[in-house]
Amino acid sequence: MKYSLIIAGSVLLVVGLLLYISIPLYYPGYGMINDVFKANRGATSLGPNESEIIKNISAQKGDAILFLALTGNVNVSLLNSSKMPIINQQRDISVALNQSTYYIQLINTGNTSVNVTYTYGIFNAESISNFYYGLGIFETFLEILILIGGAMILWAVISWILTKRK
């Protein structure tokens, strides 16, 4: 059996997994963004075919809003200062804003009541875009590292099984 291959694969697998799991502890800006989302949590209940404006927001040019419906299957609308829809999507929105007042509206399109928990954050649009872009690249790198480690272990085991059959 190729023990060096198993050891190297195990090291890559364990290190990759540990780094992946602990990303919130060391990745730059992760804690600050998480704190914004924690500070802006909320909950509401919507009856069948009911809508509710849950927040009004004053934004500056260059801001972006990220809104996530954590539970409940609802549509989320961002309304302008005249309360006309700018964007309407299911469960979440992410959009760059201009300087103005905006409203966030939740819409239950179902025939049953729904309890909704949500969170949102207003961030600098360029900074939040760069944060998630960099995080995505880093997570992909770690996933590849984990897969390489697993593949090395699997290769060693398959090689060992095939040499035992001969």
N, C-alpha and C. Protein backbone atom coordinates (compact mmCIF):
# COMPACT_ATOMS: atom_id res chain seq x y z
N MET A 1 0.84 -1.18 0.00
CA MET A 1 0.00 0.00 0.00
C MET A 1 0.89 1.25 0.00
N LYS A 2 0.47 2.27 -0.70
CA LYS A 2 1.24 3.50 -0.82
C LYS A 2 0.88 4.43 0.35
N TYR A 3 1.60 4.24 1.45
CA TYR A 3 1.29 5.01 2.66
C TYR A 3 1.62 6.50 2.50
N SER A 4 2.64 6.81 1.72
CA SER A 4 2.99 8.23 1.53
C SER A 4 1.86 8.97 0.80
N LEU A 5 1.21 8.29 -0.13
CA LEU A 5 0.09 8.89 -0.86
C LEU A 5 -1.11 9.09 0.07
N ILE A 6 -1.35 8.13 0.94
CA ILE A 6 -2.45 8.25 1.90
C ILE A 6 -2.17 9.36 2.90
N ILE A 7 -0.94 9.45 3.38
CA ILE A 7 -0.58 10.50 4.33
C ILE A 7 -0.70 11.88 3.69
N ALA A 8 -0.15 12.04 2.48
CA ALA A 8 -0.22 13.32 1.78
C ALA A 8 -1.68 13.70 1.48
N GLY A 9 -2.46 12.73 1.04
CA GLY A 9 -3.88 12.99 0.77
C GLY A 9 -4.63 13.35 2.03
N SER A 10 -4.33 12.66 3.13
CA SER A 10 -4.99 12.95 4.40
C SER A 10 -4.66 14.35 4.89
N VAL A 11 -3.39 14.75 4.75
CA VAL A 11 -2.98 16.09 5.16
C VAL A 11 -3.73 17.15 4.34
N LEU A 12 -3.76 16.97 3.01
CA LEU A 12 -4.48 17.93 2.17
C LEU A 12 -5.97 17.97 2.52
N LEU A 13 -6.56 16.81 2.72
CA LEU A 13 -7.98 16.74 3.04
C LEU A 13 -8.29 17.42 4.37
N VAL A 14 -7.52 17.11 5.40
CA VAL A 14 -7.78 17.67 6.74
C VAL A 14 -7.50 19.17 6.77
N VAL A 15 -6.37 19.59 6.21
CA VAL A 15 -6.04 21.02 6.19
C VAL A 15 -7.09 21.79 5.39
N GLY A 16 -7.46 21.27 4.22
CA GLY A 16 -8.49 21.93 3.41
C GLY A 16 -9.81 22.05 4.13
N LEU A 17 -10.24 20.96 4.78
CA LEU A 17 -11.51 21.00 5.53
C LEU A 17 -11.45 21.98 6.69
N LEU A 18 -10.35 21.97 7.44
CA LEU A 18 -10.22 22.89 8.57
C LEU A 18 -10.22 24.35 8.12
N LEU A 19 -9.52 24.63 7.04
CA LEU A 19 -9.51 25.99 6.52
C LEU A 19 -10.90 26.40 6.02
N TYR A 20 -11.59 25.48 5.36
CA TYR A 20 -12.92 25.78 4.81
C TYR A 20 -13.92 26.04 5.93
N ILE A 21 -13.90 25.20 6.94
CA ILE A 21 -14.85 25.34 8.05
C ILE A 21 -14.60 26.61 8.86
N SER A 22 -13.34 27.01 8.96
CA SER A 22 -13.00 28.15 9.80
C SER A 22 -12.92 29.48 9.03
N ILE A 23 -13.38 29.54 7.81
CA ILE A 23 -13.35 30.78 7.02
C ILE A 23 -13.92 31.97 7.79
N PRO A 24 -15.05 31.85 8.49
CA PRO A 24 -15.59 33.02 9.20
C PRO A 24 -14.64 33.58 10.26
N LEU A 25 -13.71 32.79 10.73
CA LEU A 25 -12.81 33.25 11.78
C LEU A 25 -11.64 34.08 11.27
N TYR A 26 -11.24 33.91 10.01
CA TYR A 26 -10.04 34.59 9.55
C TYR A 26 -10.18 35.35 8.23
N TYR A 27 -11.23 35.10 7.47
CA TYR A 27 -11.32 35.77 6.17
C TYR A 27 -11.61 37.26 6.39
N PRO A 28 -10.85 38.16 5.76
CA PRO A 28 -11.00 39.60 6.00
C PRO A 28 -12.41 40.11 5.69
N GLY A 29 -13.02 40.78 6.62
CA GLY A 29 -14.33 41.40 6.44
C GLY A 29 -15.51 40.50 6.75
N TYR A 30 -15.29 39.21 6.91
CA TYR A 30 -16.39 38.26 7.12
C TYR A 30 -17.16 38.60 8.40
N GLY A 31 -16.44 38.86 9.47
CA GLY A 31 -17.08 39.16 10.75
C GLY A 31 -17.90 40.43 10.70
N MET A 32 -17.39 41.47 10.04
CA MET A 32 -18.10 42.74 9.94
C MET A 32 -19.40 42.57 9.17
N ILE A 33 -19.36 41.85 8.06
CA ILE A 33 -20.56 41.63 7.25
C ILE A 33 -21.56 40.79 8.02
N ASN A 34 -21.08 39.78 8.71
CA ASN A 34 -21.94 38.94 9.53
C ASN A 34 -22.62 39.76 10.63
N ASP A 35 -21.88 40.68 11.24
CA ASP A 35 -22.45 41.54 12.29
C ASP A 35 -23.56 42.44 11.75
N VAL A 36 -23.39 42.95 10.53
CA VAL A 36 -24.43 43.79 9.91
C VAL A 36 -25.69 42.97 9.71
N PHE A 37 -25.54 41.75 9.20
CA PHE A 37 -26.71 40.89 8.99
C PHE A 37 -27.38 40.53 10.32
N LYS A 38 -26.59 40.25 11.35
CA LYS A 38 -27.17 39.93 12.67
C LYS A 38 -27.95 41.11 13.24
N ALA A 39 -27.42 42.32 13.06
CA ALA A 39 -28.06 43.52 13.61
C ALA A 39 -29.37 43.86 12.88
N ASN A 40 -29.54 43.37 11.67
CA ASN A 40 -30.71 43.72 10.86
C ASN A 40 -31.65 42.54 10.64
N ARG A 41 -31.71 41.65 11.60
CA ARG A 41 -32.66 40.53 11.51
C ARG A 41 -34.06 40.98 11.92
N GLY A 42 -35.04 40.31 11.35
CA GLY A 42 -36.42 40.62 11.70
C GLY A 42 -37.33 39.45 11.35
N ALA A 43 -38.57 39.58 11.77
CA ALA A 43 -39.57 38.54 11.50
C ALA A 43 -40.93 39.19 11.35
N THR A 44 -41.77 38.56 10.56
CA THR A 44 -43.14 39.01 10.38
C THR A 44 -43.99 37.83 9.93
N SER A 45 -45.29 38.00 10.00
CA SER A 45 -46.23 37.00 9.50
C SER A 45 -47.09 37.64 8.41
N LEU A 46 -47.29 36.89 7.34
CA LEU A 46 -48.11 37.37 6.23
C LEU A 46 -49.24 36.39 5.98
N GLY A 47 -50.45 36.92 5.83
CA GLY A 47 -51.59 36.09 5.49
C GLY A 47 -51.56 35.74 4.01
N PRO A 48 -52.51 34.92 3.57
CA PRO A 48 -52.58 34.55 2.16
C PRO A 48 -52.72 35.77 1.26
N ASN A 49 -51.91 35.83 0.22
CA ASN A 49 -51.94 36.92 -0.77
C ASN A 49 -51.81 38.31 -0.13
N GLU A 50 -51.05 38.39 0.94
CA GLU A 50 -50.86 39.65 1.66
C GLU A 50 -49.45 40.18 1.41
N SER A 51 -49.30 41.48 1.47
CA SER A 51 -47.98 42.09 1.35
C SER A 51 -47.80 43.08 2.50
N GLU A 52 -46.53 43.36 2.81
CA GLU A 52 -46.23 44.27 3.90
C GLU A 52 -44.90 44.97 3.62
N ILE A 53 -44.89 46.28 3.78
CA ILE A 53 -43.64 47.03 3.70
C ILE A 53 -42.99 46.91 5.07
N ILE A 54 -41.80 46.32 5.11
CA ILE A 54 -41.18 46.05 6.41
C ILE A 54 -40.06 47.01 6.77
N LYS A 55 -39.49 47.69 5.80
CA LYS A 55 -38.39 48.62 6.07
C LYS A 55 -38.41 49.76 5.07
N ASN A 56 -38.03 50.94 5.54
CA ASN A 56 -37.69 52.01 4.62
C ASN A 56 -36.22 52.34 4.85
N ILE A 57 -35.53 52.62 3.76
CA ILE A 57 -34.08 52.75 3.78
C ILE A 57 -33.69 54.02 3.04
N SER A 58 -32.78 54.77 3.64
CA SER A 58 -32.16 55.90 2.95
C SER A 58 -30.79 55.46 2.49
N ALA A 59 -30.56 55.55 1.20
CA ALA A 59 -29.30 55.07 0.64
C ALA A 59 -28.55 56.20 -0.03
N GLN A 60 -27.25 56.04 -0.09
CA GLN A 60 -26.37 56.98 -0.79
C GLN A 60 -25.94 56.34 -2.11
N LYS A 61 -25.49 57.17 -3.04
CA LYS A 61 -24.99 56.63 -4.31
C LYS A 61 -23.78 55.74 -4.02
N GLY A 62 -23.77 54.57 -4.61
CA GLY A 62 -22.67 53.63 -4.39
C GLY A 62 -22.98 52.58 -3.34
N ASP A 63 -24.15 52.68 -2.69
CA ASP A 63 -24.56 51.65 -1.73
C ASP A 63 -25.20 50.49 -2.47
N ALA A 64 -25.22 49.36 -1.82
CA ALA A 64 -25.92 48.18 -2.34
C ALA A 64 -26.68 47.56 -1.18
N ILE A 65 -27.83 46.97 -1.49
CA ILE A 65 -28.60 46.27 -0.47
C ILE A 65 -28.59 44.79 -0.79
N LEU A 66 -28.40 44.00 0.24
CA LEU A 66 -28.54 42.55 0.16
C LEU A 66 -29.65 42.20 1.13
N PHE A 67 -30.72 41.61 0.65
CA PHE A 67 -31.85 41.21 1.49
C PHE A 67 -32.09 39.73 1.30
N LEU A 68 -32.21 39.00 2.41
CA LEU A 68 -32.42 37.56 2.36
C LEU A 68 -33.61 37.18 3.21
N ALA A 69 -34.57 36.46 2.63
CA ALA A 69 -35.65 35.85 3.40
C ALA A 69 -35.12 34.50 3.87
N LEU A 70 -34.87 34.37 5.17
CA LEU A 70 -34.25 33.16 5.71
C LEU A 70 -35.24 32.01 5.81
N THR A 71 -36.48 32.31 6.18
CA THR A 71 -37.54 31.30 6.22
C THR A 71 -38.78 31.89 5.57
N GLY A 72 -39.60 31.03 5.04
CA GLY A 72 -40.82 31.48 4.39
C GLY A 72 -40.60 31.71 2.91
N ASN A 73 -41.52 31.24 2.12
CA ASN A 73 -41.43 31.37 0.68
C ASN A 73 -42.21 32.61 0.25
N VAL A 74 -41.49 33.72 0.11
CA VAL A 74 -42.12 34.99 -0.24
C VAL A 74 -41.36 35.66 -1.36
N ASN A 75 -42.02 36.60 -2.02
CA ASN A 75 -41.36 37.46 -2.98
C ASN A 75 -40.91 38.71 -2.23
N VAL A 76 -39.78 39.26 -2.66
CA VAL A 76 -39.22 40.47 -2.07
C VAL A 76 -39.19 41.53 -3.15
N SER A 77 -39.75 42.70 -2.84
CA SER A 77 -39.73 43.82 -3.77
C SER A 77 -38.99 44.99 -3.16
N LEU A 78 -38.21 45.66 -3.99
CA LEU A 78 -37.59 46.92 -3.60
C LEU A 78 -38.38 48.00 -4.31
N LEU A 79 -38.93 48.91 -3.52
CA LEU A 79 -39.77 49.99 -4.06
C LEU A 79 -39.01 51.30 -4.00
N ASN A 80 -39.23 52.16 -4.98
CA ASN A 80 -38.59 53.48 -4.95
C ASN A 80 -39.35 54.42 -4.03
N SER A 81 -38.96 55.69 -3.98
CA SER A 81 -39.59 56.64 -3.05
C SER A 81 -41.06 56.87 -3.38
N SER A 82 -41.49 56.59 -4.60
CA SER A 82 -42.91 56.69 -5.00
C SER A 82 -43.64 55.38 -4.77
N LYS A 83 -42.96 54.43 -4.15
CA LYS A 83 -43.48 53.10 -3.86
C LYS A 83 -43.83 52.29 -5.12
N MET A 84 -43.05 52.54 -6.17
CA MET A 84 -43.16 51.76 -7.40
C MET A 84 -42.05 50.71 -7.38
N PRO A 85 -42.34 49.47 -7.81
CA PRO A 85 -41.33 48.41 -7.76
C PRO A 85 -40.14 48.67 -8.68
N ILE A 86 -38.96 48.45 -8.14
CA ILE A 86 -37.73 48.51 -8.93
C ILE A 86 -37.31 47.11 -9.31
N ILE A 87 -37.40 46.21 -8.34
CA ILE A 87 -37.02 44.82 -8.55
C ILE A 87 -37.92 43.95 -7.68
N ASN A 88 -38.30 42.80 -8.23
CA ASN A 88 -39.15 41.85 -7.50
C ASN A 88 -38.60 40.45 -7.77
N GLN A 89 -38.12 39.80 -6.70
CA GLN A 89 -37.56 38.47 -6.85
C GLN A 89 -38.04 37.58 -5.71
N GLN A 90 -37.88 36.29 -5.90
CA GLN A 90 -38.28 35.36 -4.86
C GLN A 90 -37.15 35.20 -3.85
N ARG A 91 -37.46 35.40 -2.58
CA ARG A 91 -36.61 35.16 -1.40
C ARG A 91 -35.48 36.14 -1.17
N ASP A 92 -34.86 36.70 -2.18
CA ASP A 92 -33.74 37.62 -1.91
C ASP A 92 -33.57 38.63 -3.03
N ILE A 93 -32.93 39.75 -2.66
CA ILE A 93 -32.55 40.75 -3.66
C ILE A 93 -31.14 41.23 -3.35
N SER A 94 -30.47 41.64 -4.38
CA SER A 94 -29.15 42.23 -4.27
C SER A 94 -29.03 43.23 -5.40
N VAL A 95 -28.95 44.49 -5.04
CA VAL A 95 -28.96 45.52 -6.09
C VAL A 95 -28.21 46.76 -5.62
N ALA A 96 -27.51 47.40 -6.56
CA ALA A 96 -26.85 48.67 -6.28
C ALA A 96 -27.91 49.78 -6.27
N LEU A 97 -27.71 50.77 -5.41
CA LEU A 97 -28.69 51.82 -5.21
C LEU A 97 -28.12 53.19 -5.55
N ASN A 98 -29.00 54.12 -5.85
CA ASN A 98 -28.65 55.53 -5.98
C ASN A 98 -29.10 56.25 -4.72
N GLN A 99 -28.75 57.51 -4.59
CA GLN A 99 -29.16 58.26 -3.41
C GLN A 99 -30.66 58.50 -3.48
N SER A 100 -31.38 57.91 -2.53
CA SER A 100 -32.83 58.03 -2.49
C SER A 100 -33.36 57.28 -1.28
N THR A 101 -34.66 57.29 -1.13
CA THR A 101 -35.34 56.49 -0.11
C THR A 101 -35.97 55.30 -0.81
N TYR A 102 -35.84 54.14 -0.18
CA TYR A 102 -36.37 52.90 -0.73
C TYR A 102 -37.18 52.18 0.34
N TYR A 103 -38.05 51.30 -0.11
CA TYR A 103 -38.87 50.48 0.78
C TYR A 103 -38.69 49.01 0.40
N ILE A 104 -38.65 48.16 1.41
CA ILE A 104 -38.59 46.72 1.17
C ILE A 104 -39.96 46.15 1.49
N GLN A 105 -40.52 45.45 0.53
CA GLN A 105 -41.85 44.87 0.68
C GLN A 105 -41.77 43.36 0.53
N LEU A 106 -42.43 42.65 1.44
CA LEU A 106 -42.56 41.19 1.34
C LEU A 106 -43.95 40.88 0.82
N ILE A 107 -44.04 39.92 -0.09
CA ILE A 107 -45.31 39.56 -0.72
C ILE A 107 -45.50 38.05 -0.61
N ASN A 108 -46.58 37.66 0.04
CA ASN A 108 -46.94 36.24 0.12
C ASN A 108 -47.89 35.96 -1.04
N THR A 109 -47.45 35.19 -2.01
CA THR A 109 -48.29 34.87 -3.17
C THR A 109 -49.03 33.55 -2.98
N GLY A 110 -48.82 32.92 -1.83
CA GLY A 110 -49.46 31.63 -1.58
C GLY A 110 -50.85 31.77 -0.98
N ASN A 111 -51.51 30.63 -0.83
CA ASN A 111 -52.86 30.59 -0.29
C ASN A 111 -52.90 30.29 1.20
N THR A 112 -51.74 30.23 1.84
CA THR A 112 -51.67 29.98 3.27
C THR A 112 -50.81 31.06 3.93
N SER A 113 -51.02 31.25 5.22
CA SER A 113 -50.21 32.20 5.97
C SER A 113 -48.77 31.69 6.05
N VAL A 114 -47.85 32.63 6.16
CA VAL A 114 -46.43 32.26 6.23
C VAL A 114 -45.73 33.15 7.25
N ASN A 115 -44.87 32.52 8.05
CA ASN A 115 -44.00 33.26 8.96
C ASN A 115 -42.67 33.46 8.26
N VAL A 116 -42.19 34.69 8.25
CA VAL A 116 -40.97 35.03 7.52
C VAL A 116 -39.94 35.59 8.49
N THR A 117 -38.74 35.05 8.45
CA THR A 117 -37.61 35.69 9.11
C THR A 117 -36.68 36.17 8.00
N TYR A 118 -36.08 37.30 8.22
CA TYR A 118 -35.27 37.92 7.18
C TYR A 118 -34.08 38.65 7.80
N THR A 119 -33.16 38.99 6.96
CA THR A 119 -32.04 39.84 7.33
C THR A 119 -31.64 40.65 6.11
N TYR A 120 -30.99 41.76 6.36
CA TYR A 120 -30.52 42.59 5.26
C TYR A 120 -29.30 43.39 5.70
N GLY A 121 -28.62 43.92 4.73
CA GLY A 121 -27.49 44.80 5.00
C GLY A 121 -27.33 45.78 3.87
N ILE A 122 -26.87 46.98 4.23
CA ILE A 122 -26.54 47.99 3.23
C ILE A 122 -25.02 48.17 3.29
N PHE A 123 -24.38 47.98 2.16
CA PHE A 123 -22.94 48.00 2.08
C PHE A 123 -22.50 48.86 0.92
N ASN A 124 -21.23 49.22 0.89
CA ASN A 124 -20.65 49.85 -0.28
C ASN A 124 -20.69 48.81 -1.41
N ALA A 125 -21.26 49.16 -2.54
CA ALA A 125 -21.49 48.20 -3.62
C ALA A 125 -20.19 47.57 -4.12
N GLU A 126 -19.16 48.38 -4.31
CA GLU A 126 -17.90 47.84 -4.83
C GLU A 126 -17.23 46.93 -3.80
N SER A 127 -17.26 47.33 -2.55
CA SER A 127 -16.62 46.53 -1.49
C SER A 127 -17.30 45.18 -1.32
N ILE A 128 -18.63 45.17 -1.30
CA ILE A 128 -19.33 43.90 -1.08
C ILE A 128 -19.17 42.98 -2.29
N SER A 129 -19.13 43.57 -3.48
CA SER A 129 -18.92 42.77 -4.68
C SER A 129 -17.53 42.13 -4.65
N ASN A 130 -16.52 42.92 -4.29
CA ASN A 130 -15.15 42.40 -4.20
C ASN A 130 -15.04 41.34 -3.11
N PHE A 131 -15.72 41.55 -1.99
CA PHE A 131 -15.69 40.59 -0.89
C PHE A 131 -16.20 39.22 -1.35
N TYR A 132 -17.39 39.19 -1.95
CA TYR A 132 -17.96 37.92 -2.37
C TYR A 132 -17.20 37.31 -3.55
N TYR A 133 -16.64 38.13 -4.41
CA TYR A 133 -15.82 37.61 -5.51
C TYR A 133 -14.58 36.91 -4.95
N GLY A 134 -13.87 37.57 -4.06
CA GLY A 134 -12.68 36.98 -3.45
C GLY A 134 -13.00 35.75 -2.62
N LEU A 135 -14.10 35.81 -1.88
CA LEU A 135 -14.51 34.66 -1.07
C LEU A 135 -14.84 33.46 -1.96
N GLY A 136 -15.49 33.70 -3.07
CA GLY A 136 -15.82 32.62 -4.00
C GLY A 136 -14.57 31.96 -4.57
N ILE A 137 -13.58 32.76 -4.93
CA ILE A 137 -12.33 32.20 -5.46
C ILE A 137 -11.62 31.39 -4.37
N PHE A 138 -11.57 31.93 -3.16
CA PHE A 138 -10.88 31.24 -2.06
C PHE A 138 -11.58 29.92 -1.71
N GLU A 139 -12.93 29.94 -1.65
CA GLU A 139 -13.67 28.72 -1.37
C GLU A 139 -13.45 27.67 -2.47
N THR A 140 -13.40 28.10 -3.72
CA THR A 140 -13.15 27.17 -4.82
C THR A 140 -11.77 26.54 -4.69
N PHE A 141 -10.76 27.34 -4.34
CA PHE A 141 -9.42 26.82 -4.13
C PHE A 141 -9.42 25.76 -3.03
N LEU A 142 -10.09 26.04 -1.92
CA LEU A 142 -10.14 25.08 -0.82
C LEU A 142 -10.90 23.81 -1.21
N GLU A 143 -11.97 23.95 -1.98
CA GLU A 143 -12.71 22.78 -2.43
C GLU A 143 -11.84 21.90 -3.33
N ILE A 144 -11.04 22.51 -4.18
CA ILE A 144 -10.14 21.75 -5.04
C ILE A 144 -9.08 21.04 -4.19
N LEU A 145 -8.56 21.74 -3.18
CA LEU A 145 -7.59 21.13 -2.26
C LEU A 145 -8.18 19.91 -1.57
N ILE A 146 -9.41 20.02 -1.11
CA ILE A 146 -10.11 18.91 -0.45
C ILE A 146 -10.29 17.75 -1.43
N LEU A 147 -10.72 18.06 -2.64
CA LEU A 147 -10.92 17.01 -3.65
C LEU A 147 -9.61 16.31 -4.02
N ILE A 148 -8.55 17.06 -4.13
CA ILE A 148 -7.25 16.45 -4.45
C ILE A 148 -6.84 15.49 -3.33
N GLY A 149 -7.01 15.93 -2.08
CA GLY A 149 -6.69 15.06 -0.95
C GLY A 149 -7.52 13.79 -0.97
N GLY A 150 -8.81 13.92 -1.19
CA GLY A 150 -9.69 12.76 -1.27
C GLY A 150 -9.33 11.84 -2.42
N ALA A 151 -8.99 12.43 -3.56
CA ALA A 151 -8.62 11.64 -4.74
C ALA A 151 -7.32 10.88 -4.49
N MET A 152 -6.39 11.50 -3.80
CA MET A 152 -5.12 10.82 -3.50
C MET A 152 -5.36 9.60 -2.61
N ILE A 153 -6.22 9.76 -1.61
CA ILE A 153 -6.54 8.64 -0.71
C ILE A 153 -7.26 7.55 -1.49
N LEU A 154 -8.23 7.94 -2.29
CA LEU A 154 -8.99 6.97 -3.09
C LEU A 154 -8.07 6.23 -4.06
N TRP A 155 -7.16 6.94 -4.71
CA TRP A 155 -6.22 6.31 -5.64
C TRP A 155 -5.36 5.28 -4.93
N ALA A 156 -4.88 5.63 -3.74
CA ALA A 156 -4.04 4.69 -2.99
C ALA A 156 -4.84 3.44 -2.61
N VAL A 157 -6.06 3.61 -2.18
CA VAL A 157 -6.90 2.47 -1.79
C VAL A 157 -7.23 1.60 -2.99
N ILE A 158 -7.62 2.20 -4.11
CA ILE A 158 -7.93 1.43 -5.32
C ILE A 158 -6.69 0.69 -5.81
N SER A 159 -5.54 1.35 -5.80
CA SER A 159 -4.30 0.70 -6.21
C SER A 159 -4.00 -0.50 -5.32
N TRP A 160 -4.19 -0.35 -4.05
CA TRP A 160 -3.93 -1.42 -3.10
C TRP A 160 -4.88 -2.59 -3.36
N ILE A 161 -6.17 -2.30 -3.59
CA ILE A 161 -7.14 -3.37 -3.86
C ILE A 161 -6.78 -4.10 -5.14
N LEU A 162 -6.40 -3.37 -6.20
CA LEU A 162 -6.07 -4.00 -7.47
C LEU A 162 -4.79 -4.84 -7.37
N THR A 163 -3.81 -4.39 -6.59
CA THR A 163 -2.58 -5.20 -6.44
C THR A 163 -2.83 -6.44 -5.59
N LYS A 164 -3.79 -6.39 -4.71
CA LYS A 164 -4.14 -7.57 -3.90
C LYS A 164 -4.81 -8.64 -4.75
N ARG A 165 -5.52 -8.25 -5.80
CA ARG A 165 -6.23 -9.21 -6.65
C ARG A 165 -5.29 -9.98 -7.56
N LYS A 166 -4.15 -9.41 -7.86
CA LYS A 166 -3.21 -10.06 -8.80
C LYS A 166 -2.55 -11.21 -8.19
